[in-house]
Structure formats: C-alpha cells, structure tokens
N, C-alpha and C. Protein backbone atom coordinates (compact mmCIF):
# COMPACT_ATOMS: atom_id res chain seq x y z
N MET A 1 -75.28 24.64 -5.41
CA MET A 1 -74.31 24.64 -3.86
C MET A 1 -73.70 23.92 -3.14
N LYS A 2 -74.78 22.64 -2.48
CA LYS A 2 -74.32 21.78 -1.93
C LYS A 2 -73.27 20.99 -2.73
N ILE A 3 -73.56 20.76 -3.54
CA ILE A 3 -73.39 19.82 -4.82
C ILE A 3 -71.97 20.27 -4.94
N ASN A 4 -71.21 21.49 -5.41
CA ASN A 4 -70.18 22.15 -5.17
C ASN A 4 -69.33 22.21 -4.05
N LYS A 5 -70.20 22.25 -3.00
CA LYS A 5 -69.30 22.16 -1.05
C LYS A 5 -68.62 20.76 -1.59
N LEU A 6 -69.61 19.76 -1.74
CA LEU A 6 -69.26 18.44 -1.46
C LEU A 6 -68.07 18.03 -2.46
N ILE A 7 -67.97 18.20 -3.81
CA ILE A 7 -67.14 18.59 -4.62
C ILE A 7 -65.28 18.64 -3.91
N LYS A 8 -65.33 19.72 -3.63
CA LYS A 8 -64.84 20.45 -3.04
C LYS A 8 -64.05 19.78 -1.71
N LYS A 9 -64.65 19.49 -1.14
CA LYS A 9 -64.54 18.45 0.00
C LYS A 9 -63.73 16.85 -0.27
N PHE A 10 -64.75 16.93 -1.51
CA PHE A 10 -64.36 15.63 -1.85
C PHE A 10 -62.46 15.27 -2.69
N PHE A 11 -62.43 16.66 -3.48
CA PHE A 11 -61.38 17.11 -4.03
C PHE A 11 -60.26 16.99 -3.15
N LEU A 12 -60.16 17.96 -1.80
CA LEU A 12 -59.48 18.23 -0.72
C LEU A 12 -59.27 16.94 0.10
N VAL A 13 -60.02 15.99 -0.13
CA VAL A 13 -59.93 14.96 0.59
C VAL A 13 -59.17 13.67 -0.49
N ILE A 14 -59.26 13.68 -1.47
CA ILE A 14 -58.06 13.49 -2.15
C ILE A 14 -56.56 13.98 -2.42
N VAL A 15 -56.45 15.46 -2.30
CA VAL A 15 -55.38 15.61 -2.64
C VAL A 15 -54.93 15.18 -1.13
N ILE A 16 -55.59 15.43 0.09
CA ILE A 16 -54.64 15.16 1.50
C ILE A 16 -54.27 13.93 1.27
N LEU A 17 -54.85 12.74 0.42
CA LEU A 17 -54.35 11.41 0.67
C LEU A 17 -53.62 11.38 -0.47
N TYR A 18 -53.21 11.46 -1.05
CA TYR A 18 -52.70 11.41 -1.77
C TYR A 18 -50.99 12.38 -1.44
N VAL A 19 -51.30 13.18 -1.22
CA VAL A 19 -50.01 14.17 -0.36
C VAL A 19 -49.29 13.35 0.96
N SER A 20 -50.11 12.59 1.40
CA SER A 20 -49.80 11.50 2.96
C SER A 20 -49.07 10.58 2.64
N ILE A 21 -49.76 9.96 1.04
CA ILE A 21 -49.19 8.58 1.04
C ILE A 21 -47.48 8.57 0.24
N THR A 22 -47.77 9.95 -0.66
CA THR A 22 -46.42 10.52 -1.33
C THR A 22 -45.24 10.57 -0.15
N PHE A 23 -45.77 11.49 0.82
CA PHE A 23 -44.90 11.42 1.66
C PHE A 23 -44.51 10.43 2.73
N ILE A 24 -45.48 9.53 2.61
CA ILE A 24 -45.10 8.18 3.63
C ILE A 24 -43.94 7.69 2.60
N ASN A 25 -44.26 7.36 1.31
CA ASN A 25 -43.54 6.87 0.41
C ASN A 25 -41.83 7.49 0.47
N GLN A 26 -42.04 8.44 0.39
CA GLN A 26 -41.08 9.38 0.62
C GLN A 26 -39.75 9.46 1.63
N GLN A 27 -40.48 8.73 2.76
CA GLN A 27 -40.23 8.61 3.78
C GLN A 27 -39.55 7.23 4.07
N LYS A 28 -39.99 6.08 3.62
CA LYS A 28 -39.70 4.94 3.11
C LYS A 28 -38.49 4.93 2.14
N SER A 29 -38.43 5.63 1.67
CA SER A 29 -36.97 6.06 0.57
C SER A 29 -36.28 6.58 1.08
N ILE A 30 -36.44 7.18 1.77
CA ILE A 30 -35.24 8.27 2.41
C ILE A 30 -34.35 6.91 3.84
N ASN A 31 -35.46 6.24 4.22
CA ASN A 31 -34.71 5.64 5.54
C ASN A 31 -33.78 4.55 4.76
N ALA A 32 -34.43 3.83 3.50
CA ALA A 32 -33.65 2.87 3.10
C ALA A 32 -32.16 3.38 2.63
N TYR A 33 -32.55 4.31 1.53
CA TYR A 33 -30.95 5.24 1.99
C TYR A 33 -30.05 5.45 2.60
N ASN A 34 -30.63 5.77 3.64
CA ASN A 34 -29.76 6.01 4.83
C ASN A 34 -29.12 5.23 5.62
N ASN A 35 -30.29 3.64 5.76
CA ASN A 35 -29.54 2.38 6.28
C ASN A 35 -28.38 2.38 5.06
N GLN A 36 -28.57 2.18 3.79
CA GLN A 36 -27.46 1.66 3.13
C GLN A 36 -26.61 2.33 2.74
N GLN A 37 -26.44 4.01 3.36
CA GLN A 37 -25.26 4.76 3.44
C GLN A 37 -24.73 4.16 4.84
N ALA A 38 -25.23 4.04 5.85
CA ALA A 38 -24.60 3.44 7.19
C ALA A 38 -23.77 2.49 6.79
N ASN A 39 -24.32 1.12 5.81
CA ASN A 39 -23.60 0.06 5.48
C ASN A 39 -22.42 0.32 4.91
N LEU A 40 -22.76 1.34 3.60
CA LEU A 40 -21.79 1.60 3.38
C LEU A 40 -20.47 2.10 3.60
N LYS A 41 -20.69 3.12 4.58
CA LYS A 41 -19.70 3.39 5.64
C LYS A 41 -19.08 2.82 6.37
N ASP A 42 -19.78 1.50 6.74
CA ASP A 42 -19.01 0.73 7.65
C ASP A 42 -18.57 -0.06 7.02
N LYS A 43 -18.56 -0.40 5.31
CA LYS A 43 -17.34 -1.43 5.19
C LYS A 43 -16.03 -0.43 4.26
N ILE A 44 -16.56 0.93 4.17
CA ILE A 44 -15.32 1.73 3.91
C ILE A 44 -14.58 1.69 5.37
N LYS A 45 -15.30 1.98 6.09
CA LYS A 45 -14.17 1.41 7.77
C LYS A 45 -13.80 0.45 7.83
N GLU A 46 -13.90 -0.91 7.32
CA GLU A 46 -13.48 -1.73 7.52
C GLU A 46 -12.90 -2.02 6.52
N GLN A 47 -12.14 -1.65 5.08
CA GLN A 47 -11.54 -1.40 4.43
C GLN A 47 -10.34 -0.90 4.60
N GLU A 48 -10.45 0.46 4.94
CA GLU A 48 -9.31 1.09 5.29
C GLU A 48 -8.90 0.90 6.82
N GLU A 49 -9.15 -0.35 7.54
CA GLU A 49 -8.58 -1.13 8.65
C GLU A 49 -7.94 -2.22 7.67
N TYR A 50 -8.66 -2.59 6.63
CA TYR A 50 -7.54 -3.94 6.53
C TYR A 50 -6.67 -3.25 5.49
N ASN A 51 -6.67 -1.84 4.63
CA ASN A 51 -5.78 -1.19 4.33
C ASN A 51 -4.83 -0.87 5.66
N GLN A 52 -4.89 -0.44 6.47
CA GLN A 52 -3.82 -0.05 7.53
C GLN A 52 -3.27 -1.43 7.78
N THR A 53 -3.89 -2.82 8.11
CA THR A 53 -3.26 -4.19 8.03
C THR A 53 -1.96 -4.33 6.87
N LEU A 54 -2.39 -4.30 5.51
CA LEU A 54 -1.66 -4.55 4.75
C LEU A 54 -0.51 -3.33 4.62
N LEU A 55 -0.97 -1.98 4.82
CA LEU A 55 0.58 -1.23 4.83
C LEU A 55 1.32 -1.52 6.01
N ALA A 56 1.21 -2.42 7.54
CA ALA A 56 1.87 -2.76 8.37
C ALA A 56 2.84 -3.88 8.14
N THR A 57 2.12 -4.32 7.20
CA THR A 57 2.43 -6.09 6.47
C THR A 57 3.59 -5.55 5.97
N LYS A 58 3.27 -4.50 4.94
CA LYS A 58 4.31 -4.14 4.07
C LYS A 58 5.43 -3.37 4.24
N GLU A 59 5.06 -3.04 5.48
CA GLU A 59 6.83 -2.02 5.90
C GLU A 59 7.38 -3.63 7.21
N ASN A 60 6.58 -4.70 7.36
CA ASN A 60 7.36 -5.49 8.02
C ASN A 60 8.08 -6.31 7.25
N ILE A 61 7.69 -6.78 5.86
CA ILE A 61 8.04 -8.02 5.35
C ILE A 61 9.12 -8.21 4.94
N SER A 62 10.16 -7.12 5.06
CA SER A 62 11.48 -7.41 4.94
C SER A 62 12.26 -7.67 5.93
N SER A 63 11.98 -7.72 7.06
CA SER A 63 12.36 -7.80 8.23
C SER A 63 12.29 -9.30 8.22
N PRO A 64 13.42 -9.36 9.47
CA PRO A 64 14.69 -10.91 9.40
C PRO A 64 13.22 -11.17 10.41
N GLU A 65 12.89 -10.99 11.41
CA GLU A 65 11.78 -11.66 12.17
C GLU A 65 10.60 -11.74 11.05
N TYR A 66 10.23 -11.45 10.55
CA TYR A 66 8.73 -11.71 9.48
C TYR A 66 9.12 -12.88 8.54
N ILE A 67 10.15 -12.71 8.02
CA ILE A 67 11.03 -13.94 7.45
C ILE A 67 11.26 -14.67 8.11
N GLU A 68 11.84 -15.16 9.34
CA GLU A 68 11.79 -16.24 10.59
C GLU A 68 10.86 -17.03 10.50
N GLU A 69 9.56 -15.94 10.96
CA GLU A 69 7.94 -16.49 11.59
C GLU A 69 7.14 -16.86 9.72
N LEU A 70 7.52 -16.65 8.76
CA LEU A 70 6.97 -17.07 7.61
C LEU A 70 7.51 -18.67 7.31
N ALA A 71 8.99 -18.50 7.57
CA ALA A 71 9.37 -19.65 7.12
C ALA A 71 9.36 -21.17 7.94
N ARG A 72 8.58 -20.59 9.26
CA ARG A 72 8.26 -21.72 10.26
C ARG A 72 7.20 -21.72 10.02
N GLU A 73 6.41 -21.11 10.23
CA GLU A 73 4.40 -20.96 9.66
C GLU A 73 4.03 -22.18 8.20
N LYS A 74 5.09 -21.32 7.51
CA LYS A 74 4.78 -22.03 5.95
C LYS A 74 5.55 -22.93 5.34
N LEU A 75 6.74 -22.82 5.76
CA LEU A 75 7.72 -23.89 5.20
C LEU A 75 8.01 -24.96 6.07
N ASP A 76 7.65 -24.99 6.80
CA ASP A 76 8.41 -25.98 8.24
C ASP A 76 9.49 -25.57 8.28
N MET A 77 10.20 -24.56 8.60
CA MET A 77 11.67 -24.54 8.64
C MET A 77 12.15 -24.11 9.86
N TYR A 78 12.83 -24.65 10.48
CA TYR A 78 13.72 -24.27 12.12
C TYR A 78 15.16 -23.98 11.74
N LEU A 79 15.30 -23.34 12.72
CA LEU A 79 17.05 -23.33 13.03
C LEU A 79 17.87 -24.57 12.98
N PRO A 80 19.12 -24.29 12.59
CA PRO A 80 19.85 -25.91 12.74
C PRO A 80 19.93 -26.49 14.08
N ASN A 81 19.94 -25.87 14.87
CA ASN A 81 20.29 -26.56 16.22
C ASN A 81 18.98 -26.45 17.13
N GLU A 82 17.92 -26.41 16.85
CA GLU A 82 16.97 -26.15 17.10
C GLU A 82 15.52 -27.34 17.51
N LYS A 83 15.33 -28.27 18.56
CA LYS A 83 14.54 -28.98 18.31
C LYS A 83 13.02 -28.75 18.35
N VAL A 84 12.02 -29.31 17.79
CA VAL A 84 11.11 -29.13 17.10
C VAL A 84 10.37 -30.41 17.77
N TYR A 85 8.99 -30.40 18.36
CA TYR A 85 8.32 -31.70 18.56
C TYR A 85 7.31 -31.64 18.36
N ILE A 86 6.60 -32.26 17.90
CA ILE A 86 5.48 -32.93 17.15
C ILE A 86 4.62 -33.49 17.85
N ASP A 87 3.47 -33.05 17.89
CA ASP A 87 2.22 -33.53 18.51
C ASP A 87 1.66 -34.54 18.00
N ILE A 88 1.76 -35.87 17.86
CA ILE A 88 1.14 -36.53 17.26
C ILE A 88 -0.14 -37.80 18.21
N GLY A 89 -0.82 -37.24 18.93
CA GLY A 89 -1.97 -37.43 19.66
C GLY A 89 -2.78 -37.26 19.58
N LYS A 90 -3.24 -36.57 18.18
CA LYS A 90 -4.58 -35.75 17.82
C LYS A 90 -4.54 -36.87 16.27
C-alpha cells in the first residue's frame, strides 16, 4: 500500500512538472508572438504614413510650385532674372 501511494505521488509530481513546464513554454511563445504582432503593427503604421506622403506628393506633382522646386533642387535651374549666390567657403 505504501508503495502504491508513493507511486501515485511520484506520478502526480511528474504530471504537475510536465504541466508547469508546458505552461511556461506556451507563455514564452505567446509573449514572442505578441512582440512580433506589435512590431508588425508598427511597420504597418509606418507604411500607411509613407503611403499618405506618397499620395500627397502625387497630388502636388503637377503643380507649378512643385515643378519649380524640383527644377531648383535637382536640376540647378533658376528664373532668368534671379541672382544666385554660391558659398565657396566650404
């Protein structure tokens, strides 16, 4: 009888250890997935902001102000009567 009780207690301890270890491992996995989900949500938010920027640029791309700004910055073009000063001290 004592051996049966000892075996039952041993089996119970093994089952409790197994359940505890399984629970801990599952909790680690859940935390990892939650972190991954948060990172993906941040990336989605960044992409949505970038898309908004692109849409705003798309709307302004044919405006005269944007064309003038692009010509000044990228092509070094200026209006005919405009004076341009270049700092050669650098």
